[in-house]
Amino acid sequence: TGLNDIKPAMVQEATEKAREVADKFAKDSNSRLGKIKTARQGQFSISDRDSNTPQIKNVRVVTSVEYYLSD
């Protein structure tokens, strides 16, 4: 399927987006984003985009990252 070829880039993007969201949360709460407390890579899922184009797939990964916050 080629999933192993795209996994590293997908995990990298998910991790970067997690940091962006956490940074926004920290700023909105007048806090500073600290180091990673825990990080978990979730399951990869592959599904058809829709019933009309089963040859086109959606690939999804969930990454959970917890950060320390400081005032």
PDB file of N, CA and C in Angstrom:
ATOM      1  N   THR A   1       0.809  -1.211   0.000  1.00  0.00           N
ATOM      2  CA  THR A   1       0.000   0.000   0.000  1.00  0.00           C
ATOM      3  C   THR A   1       0.844   1.263   0.000  1.00  0.00           C
ATOM      4  N   GLY A   2       2.111   1.164   0.366  1.00  0.00           N
ATOM      5  CA  GLY A   2       2.951   2.351   0.431  1.00  0.00           C
ATOM      6  C   GLY A   2       2.792   3.122   1.725  1.00  0.00           C
ATOM      7  N   LEU A   3       2.043   2.571   2.678  1.00  0.00           N
ATOM      8  CA  LEU A   3       1.815   3.263   3.941  1.00  0.00           C
ATOM      9  C   LEU A   3       3.124   3.542   4.670  1.00  0.00           C
ATOM     10  N   ASN A   4       4.032   2.597   4.654  1.00  0.00           N
ATOM     11  CA  ASN A   4       5.317   2.806   5.330  1.00  0.00           C
ATOM     12  C   ASN A   4       6.104   3.961   4.731  1.00  0.00           C
ATOM     13  N   ASP A   5       5.852   4.274   3.460  1.00  0.00           N
ATOM     14  CA  ASP A   5       6.542   5.391   2.816  1.00  0.00           C
ATOM     15  C   ASP A   5       6.035   6.741   3.313  1.00  0.00           C
ATOM     16  N   ILE A   6       4.755   6.816   3.662  1.00  0.00           N
ATOM     17  CA  ILE A   6       4.181   8.105   4.065  1.00  0.00           C
ATOM     18  C   ILE A   6       4.050   8.270   5.579  1.00  0.00           C
ATOM     19  N   LYS A   7       4.239   7.201   6.333  1.00  0.00           N
ATOM     20  CA  LYS A   7       4.089   7.273   7.793  1.00  0.00           C
ATOM     21  C   LYS A   7       4.965   8.341   8.443  1.00  0.00           C
ATOM     22  N   PRO A   8       6.271   8.385   8.158  1.00  0.00           N
ATOM     23  CA  PRO A   8       7.109   9.388   8.838  1.00  0.00           C
ATOM     24  C   PRO A   8       6.634  10.824   8.611  1.00  0.00           C
ATOM     25  N   ALA A   9       6.269  11.149   7.389  1.00  0.00           N
ATOM     26  CA  ALA A   9       5.811  12.512   7.097  1.00  0.00           C
ATOM     27  C   ALA A   9       4.485  12.806   7.791  1.00  0.00           C
ATOM     28  N   MET A  10       3.617  11.810   7.861  1.00  0.00           N
ATOM     29  CA  MET A  10       2.327  12.010   8.522  1.00  0.00           C
ATOM     30  C   MET A  10       2.502  12.219  10.022  1.00  0.00           C
ATOM     31  N   VAL A  11       3.377  11.444  10.639  1.00  0.00           N
ATOM     32  CA  VAL A  11       3.632  11.604  12.068  1.00  0.00           C
ATOM     33  C   VAL A  11       4.261  12.968  12.332  1.00  0.00           C
ATOM     34  N   GLN A  12       5.183  13.383  11.472  1.00  0.00           N
ATOM     35  CA  GLN A  12       5.814  14.694  11.625  1.00  0.00           C
ATOM     36  C   GLN A  12       4.775  15.805  11.537  1.00  0.00           C
ATOM     37  N   GLU A  13       3.904  15.737  10.539  1.00  0.00           N
ATOM     38  CA  GLU A  13       2.882  16.775  10.386  1.00  0.00           C
ATOM     39  C   GLU A  13       1.924  16.790  11.575  1.00  0.00           C
ATOM     40  N   ALA A  14       1.517  15.625  12.042  1.00  0.00           N
ATOM     41  CA  ALA A  14       0.607  15.553  13.187  1.00  0.00           C
ATOM     42  C   ALA A  14       1.258  16.141  14.435  1.00  0.00           C
ATOM     43  N   THR A  15       2.540  15.869  14.627  1.00  0.00           N
ATOM     44  CA  THR A  15       3.261  16.389  15.784  1.00  0.00           C
ATOM     45  C   THR A  15       3.412  17.902  15.697  1.00  0.00           C
ATOM     46  N   GLU A  16       3.713  18.412  14.506  1.00  0.00           N
ATOM     47  CA  GLU A  16       3.840  19.861  14.319  1.00  0.00           C
ATOM     48  C   GLU A  16       2.507  20.552  14.576  1.00  0.00           C
ATOM     49  N   LYS A  17       1.424  19.978  14.077  1.00  0.00           N
ATOM     50  CA  LYS A  17       0.103  20.580  14.280  1.00  0.00           C
ATOM     51  C   LYS A  17      -0.298  20.539  15.755  1.00  0.00           C
ATOM     52  N   ALA A  18       0.059  19.459  16.440  1.00  0.00           N
ATOM     53  CA  ALA A  18      -0.232  19.372  17.874  1.00  0.00           C
ATOM     54  C   ALA A  18       0.466  20.503  18.621  1.00  0.00           C
ATOM     55  N   ARG A  19       1.708  20.777  18.247  1.00  0.00           N
ATOM     56  CA  ARG A  19       2.447  21.863  18.908  1.00  0.00           C
ATOM     57  C   ARG A  19       1.815  23.224  18.596  1.00  0.00           C
ATOM     58  N   GLU A  20       1.390  23.436  17.349  1.00  0.00           N
ATOM     59  CA  GLU A  20       0.736  24.698  16.981  1.00  0.00           C
ATOM     60  C   GLU A  20      -0.517  24.926  17.820  1.00  0.00           C
ATOM     61  N   VAL A  21      -1.332  23.890  17.959  1.00  0.00           N
ATOM     62  CA  VAL A  21      -2.572  24.008  18.729  1.00  0.00           C
ATOM     63  C   VAL A  21      -2.260  24.244  20.204  1.00  0.00           C
ATOM     64  N   ALA A  22      -1.291  23.521  20.740  1.00  0.00           N
ATOM     65  CA  ALA A  22      -0.917  23.695  22.140  1.00  0.00           C
ATOM     66  C   ALA A  22      -0.354  25.092  22.385  1.00  0.00           C
ATOM     67  N   ASP A  23       0.422  25.608  21.446  1.00  0.00           N
ATOM     68  CA  ASP A  23       0.981  26.949  21.576  1.00  0.00           C
ATOM     69  C   ASP A  23      -0.131  27.992  21.596  1.00  0.00           C
ATOM     70  N   LYS A  24      -1.117  27.836  20.745  1.00  0.00           N
ATOM     71  CA  LYS A  24      -2.266  28.758  20.713  1.00  0.00           C
ATOM     72  C   LYS A  24      -3.022  28.684  22.039  1.00  0.00           C
ATOM     73  N   PHE A  25      -3.244  27.478  22.534  1.00  0.00           N
ATOM     74  CA  PHE A  25      -3.919  27.302  23.817  1.00  0.00           C
ATOM     75  C   PHE A  25      -3.146  28.009  24.925  1.00  0.00           C
ATOM     76  N   ALA A  26      -1.837  27.835  24.934  1.00  0.00           N
ATOM     77  CA  ALA A  26      -1.001  28.465  25.956  1.00  0.00           C
ATOM     78  C   ALA A  26      -1.095  29.985  25.874  1.00  0.00           C
ATOM     79  N   LYS A  27      -0.996  30.527  24.681  1.00  0.00           N
ATOM     80  CA  LYS A  27      -1.072  31.981  24.520  1.00  0.00           C
ATOM     81  C   LYS A  27      -2.428  32.515  24.952  1.00  0.00           C
ATOM     82  N   ASP A  28      -3.497  31.803  24.582  1.00  0.00           N
ATOM     83  CA  ASP A  28      -4.846  32.244  24.943  1.00  0.00           C
ATOM     84  C   ASP A  28      -5.083  32.203  26.450  1.00  0.00           C
ATOM     85  N   SER A  29      -4.317  31.393  27.157  1.00  0.00           N
ATOM     86  CA  SER A  29      -4.476  31.292  28.609  1.00  0.00           C
ATOM     87  C   SER A  29      -3.354  32.019  29.357  1.00  0.00           C
ATOM     88  N   ASN A  30      -2.649  32.889  28.634  1.00  0.00           N
ATOM     89  CA  ASN A  30      -1.542  33.660  29.220  1.00  0.00           C
ATOM     90  C   ASN A  30      -0.503  32.765  29.890  1.00  0.00           C
ATOM     91  N   SER A  31      -0.206  31.662  29.237  1.00  0.00           N
ATOM     92  CA  SER A  31       0.797  30.725  29.728  1.00  0.00           C
ATOM     93  C   SER A  31       1.870  30.545  28.668  1.00  0.00           C
ATOM     94  N   ARG A  32       2.917  29.835  29.056  1.00  0.00           N
ATOM     95  CA  ARG A  32       3.970  29.489  28.100  1.00  0.00           C
ATOM     96  C   ARG A  32       3.985  27.984  27.925  1.00  0.00           C
ATOM     97  N   LEU A  33       4.213  27.571  26.703  1.00  0.00           N
ATOM     98  CA  LEU A  33       4.277  26.151  26.399  1.00  0.00           C
ATOM     99  C   LEU A  33       5.628  25.608  26.823  1.00  0.00           C
ATOM    100  N   GLY A  34       5.602  24.526  27.578  1.00  0.00           N
ATOM    101  CA  GLY A  34       6.830  23.907  28.044  1.00  0.00           C
ATOM    102  C   GLY A  34       7.198  22.687  27.222  1.00  0.00           C
ATOM    103  N   LYS A  35       7.930  21.796  27.853  1.00  0.00           N
ATOM    104  CA  LYS A  35       8.383  20.573  27.189  1.00  0.00           C
ATOM    105  C   LYS A  35       7.244  19.564  27.080  1.00  0.00           C
ATOM    106  N   ILE A  36       7.476  18.556  26.256  1.00  0.00           N
ATOM    107  CA  ILE A  36       6.498  17.483  26.106  1.00  0.00           C
ATOM    108  C   ILE A  36       6.458  16.666  27.399  1.00  0.00           C
ATOM    109  N   LYS A  37       5.253  16.438  27.895  1.00  0.00           N
ATOM    110  CA  LYS A  37       5.054  15.586  29.070  1.00  0.00           C
ATOM    111  C   LYS A  37       4.901  14.135  28.634  1.00  0.00           C
ATOM    112  N   THR A  38       4.003  13.887  27.687  1.00  0.00           N
ATOM    113  CA  THR A  38       3.813  12.548  27.122  1.00  0.00           C
ATOM    114  C   THR A  38       3.452  12.684  25.649  1.00  0.00           C
ATOM    115  N   ALA A  39       3.761  11.661  24.892  1.00  0.00           N
ATOM    116  CA  ALA A  39       3.392  11.637  23.472  1.00  0.00           C
ATOM    117  C   ALA A  39       3.048  10.207  23.091  1.00  0.00           C
ATOM    118  N   ARG A  40       1.966  10.062  22.341  1.00  0.00           N
ATOM    119  CA  ARG A  40       1.529   8.749  21.882  1.00  0.00           C
ATOM    120  C   ARG A  40       1.133   8.837  20.420  1.00  0.00           C
ATOM    121  N   GLN A  41       1.582   7.871  19.667  1.00  0.00           N
ATOM    122  CA  GLN A  41       1.157   7.768  18.272  1.00  0.00           C
ATOM    123  C   GLN A  41      -0.021   6.818  18.232  1.00  0.00           C
ATOM    124  N   GLY A  42      -1.118   7.303  17.707  1.00  0.00           N
ATOM    125  CA  GLY A  42      -2.307   6.471  17.618  1.00  0.00           C
ATOM    126  C   GLY A  42      -2.295   5.597  16.384  1.00  0.00           C
ATOM    127  N   GLN A  43      -3.438   5.100  16.093  1.00  0.00           N
ATOM    128  CA  GLN A  43      -3.606   4.168  14.989  1.00  0.00           C
ATOM    129  C   GLN A  43      -3.720   4.907  13.656  1.00  0.00           C
ATOM    130  N   PHE A  44      -3.120   4.327  12.629  1.00  0.00           N
ATOM    131  CA  PHE A  44      -3.320   4.806  11.270  1.00  0.00           C
ATOM    132  C   PHE A  44      -4.594   4.169  10.745  1.00  0.00           C
ATOM    133  N   SER A  45      -5.389   4.944  10.033  1.00  0.00           N
ATOM    134  CA  SER A  45      -6.586   4.368   9.415  1.00  0.00           C
ATOM    135  C   SER A  45      -6.605   4.727   7.936  1.00  0.00           C
ATOM    136  N   ILE A  46      -7.084   3.798   7.148  1.00  0.00           N
ATOM    137  CA  ILE A  46      -7.202   3.990   5.704  1.00  0.00           C
ATOM    138  C   ILE A  46      -8.645   3.712   5.330  1.00  0.00           C
ATOM    139  N   SER A  47      -9.271   4.659   4.636  1.00  0.00           N
ATOM    140  CA  SER A  47     -10.659   4.478   4.221  1.00  0.00           C
ATOM    141  C   SER A  47     -10.851   5.033   2.817  1.00  0.00           C
ATOM    142  N   ASP A  48     -11.901   4.566   2.161  1.00  0.00           N
ATOM    143  CA  ASP A  48     -12.244   5.108   0.850  1.00  0.00           C
ATOM    144  C   ASP A  48     -12.660   6.561   1.007  1.00  0.00           C
ATOM    145  N   ARG A  49     -12.273   7.390   0.050  1.00  0.00           N
ATOM    146  CA  ARG A  49     -12.691   8.793   0.097  1.00  0.00           C
ATOM    147  C   ARG A  49     -14.201   8.889   0.025  1.00  0.00           C
ATOM    148  N   ASP A  50     -14.793   8.136  -0.893  1.00  0.00           N
ATOM    149  CA  ASP A  50     -16.247   8.051  -1.019  1.00  0.00           C
ATOM    150  C   ASP A  50     -16.579   6.796  -1.810  1.00  0.00           C
ATOM    151  N   SER A  51     -17.854   6.496  -1.953  1.00  0.00           N
ATOM    152  CA  SER A  51     -18.255   5.253  -2.620  1.00  0.00           C
ATOM    153  C   SER A  51     -18.058   5.299  -4.129  1.00  0.00           C
ATOM    154  N   ASN A  52     -17.916   6.483  -4.700  1.00  0.00           N
ATOM    155  CA  ASN A  52     -17.755   6.610  -6.151  1.00  0.00           C
ATOM    156  C   ASN A  52     -16.306   6.465  -6.609  1.00  0.00           C
ATOM    157  N   THR A  53     -15.365   6.667  -5.703  1.00  0.00           N
ATOM    158  CA  THR A  53     -13.945   6.586  -6.065  1.00  0.00           C
ATOM    159  C   THR A  53     -13.194   5.729  -5.049  1.00  0.00           C
ATOM    160  N   PRO A  54     -13.454   4.421  -5.031  1.00  0.00           N
ATOM    161  CA  PRO A  54     -12.803   3.566  -4.034  1.00  0.00           C
ATOM    162  C   PRO A  54     -11.293   3.452  -4.219  1.00  0.00           C
ATOM    163  N   GLN A  55     -10.781   3.851  -5.365  1.00  0.00           N
ATOM    164  CA  GLN A  55      -9.337   3.797  -5.587  1.00  0.00           C
ATOM    165  C   GLN A  55      -8.615   4.965  -4.912  1.00  0.00           C
ATOM    166  N   ILE A  56      -9.365   5.986  -4.482  1.00  0.00           N
ATOM    167  CA  ILE A  56      -8.784   7.132  -3.779  1.00  0.00           C
ATOM    168  C   ILE A  56      -9.048   6.941  -2.289  1.00  0.00           C
ATOM    169  N   LYS A  57      -7.994   7.018  -1.507  1.00  0.00           N
ATOM    170  CA  LYS A  57      -8.091   6.722  -0.077  1.00  0.00           C
ATOM    171  C   LYS A  57      -7.815   7.949   0.779  1.00  0.00           C
ATOM    172  N   ASN A  58      -8.402   7.960   1.947  1.00  0.00           N
ATOM    173  CA  ASN A  58      -8.049   8.899   3.006  1.00  0.00           C
ATOM    174  C   ASN A  58      -7.193   8.137   4.003  1.00  0.00           C
ATOM    175  N   VAL A  59      -6.060   8.711   4.359  1.00  0.00           N
ATOM    176  CA  VAL A  59      -5.189   8.105   5.354  1.00  0.00           C
ATOM    177  C   VAL A  59      -5.119   9.077   6.525  1.00  0.00           C
ATOM    178  N   ARG A  60      -5.337   8.559   7.731  1.00  0.00           N
ATOM    179  CA  ARG A  60      -5.417   9.419   8.910  1.00  0.00           C
ATOM    180  C   ARG A  60      -4.559   8.834  10.023  1.00  0.00           C
ATOM    181  N   VAL A  61      -3.901   9.712  10.754  1.00  0.00           N
ATOM    182  CA  VAL A  61      -3.151   9.304  11.942  1.00  0.00           C
ATOM    183  C   VAL A  61      -3.534  10.255  13.073  1.00  0.00           C
ATOM    184  N   VAL A  62      -3.630   9.706  14.259  1.00  0.00           N
ATOM    185  CA  VAL A  62      -3.912  10.517  15.439  1.00  0.00           C
ATOM    186  C   VAL A  62      -2.687  10.459  16.342  1.00  0.00           C
ATOM    187  N   THR A  63      -2.185  11.626  16.707  1.00  0.00           N
ATOM    188  CA  THR A  63      -1.058  11.732  17.620  1.00  0.00           C
ATOM    189  C   THR A  63      -1.510  12.539  18.826  1.00  0.00           C
ATOM    190  N   SER A  64      -1.299  12.008  20.014  1.00  0.00           N
ATOM    191  CA  SER A  64      -1.655  12.713  21.248  1.00  0.00           C
ATOM    192  C   SER A  64      -0.376  13.182  21.920  1.00  0.00           C
ATOM    193  N   VAL A  65      -0.305  14.481  22.156  1.00  0.00           N
ATOM    194  CA  VAL A  65       0.881  15.061  22.789  1.00  0.00           C
ATOM    195  C   VAL A  65       0.410  15.939  23.942  1.00  0.00           C
ATOM    196  N   GLU A  66       0.973  15.716  25.126  1.00  0.00           N
ATOM    197  CA  GLU A  66       0.691  16.555  26.291  1.00  0.00           C
ATOM    198  C   GLU A  66       1.935  17.377  26.596  1.00  0.00           C
ATOM    199  N   TYR A  67       1.711  18.668  26.852  1.00  0.00           N
ATOM    200  CA  TYR A  67       2.810  19.583  27.152  1.00  0.00           C
ATOM    201  C   TYR A  67       2.658  20.129  28.565  1.00  0.00           C
ATOM    202  N   TYR A  68       3.767  20.539  29.133  1.00  0.00           N
ATOM    203  CA  TYR A  68       3.737  21.295  30.375  1.00  0.00           C
ATOM    204  C   TYR A  68       3.444  22.748  30.029  1.00  0.00           C
ATOM    205  N   LEU A  69       2.684  23.424  30.896  1.00  0.00           N
ATOM    206  CA  LEU A  69       2.433  24.854  30.761  1.00  0.00           C
ATOM    207  C   LEU A  69       3.022  25.563  31.971  1.00  0.00           C
ATOM    208  N   SER A  70       3.482  26.785  31.759  1.00  0.00           N
ATOM    209  CA  SER A  70       3.962  27.591  32.882  1.00  0.00           C
ATOM    210  C   SER A  70       3.432  29.003  32.727  1.00  0.00           C
ATOM    211  N   ASP A  71       3.275  29.688  33.851  1.00  0.00           N
ATOM    212  CA  ASP A  71       2.763  31.067  33.832  1.00  0.00           C
ATOM    213  C   ASP A  71       3.868  32.042  33.530  1.00  0.00           C
TER     214      ASP A  71
END
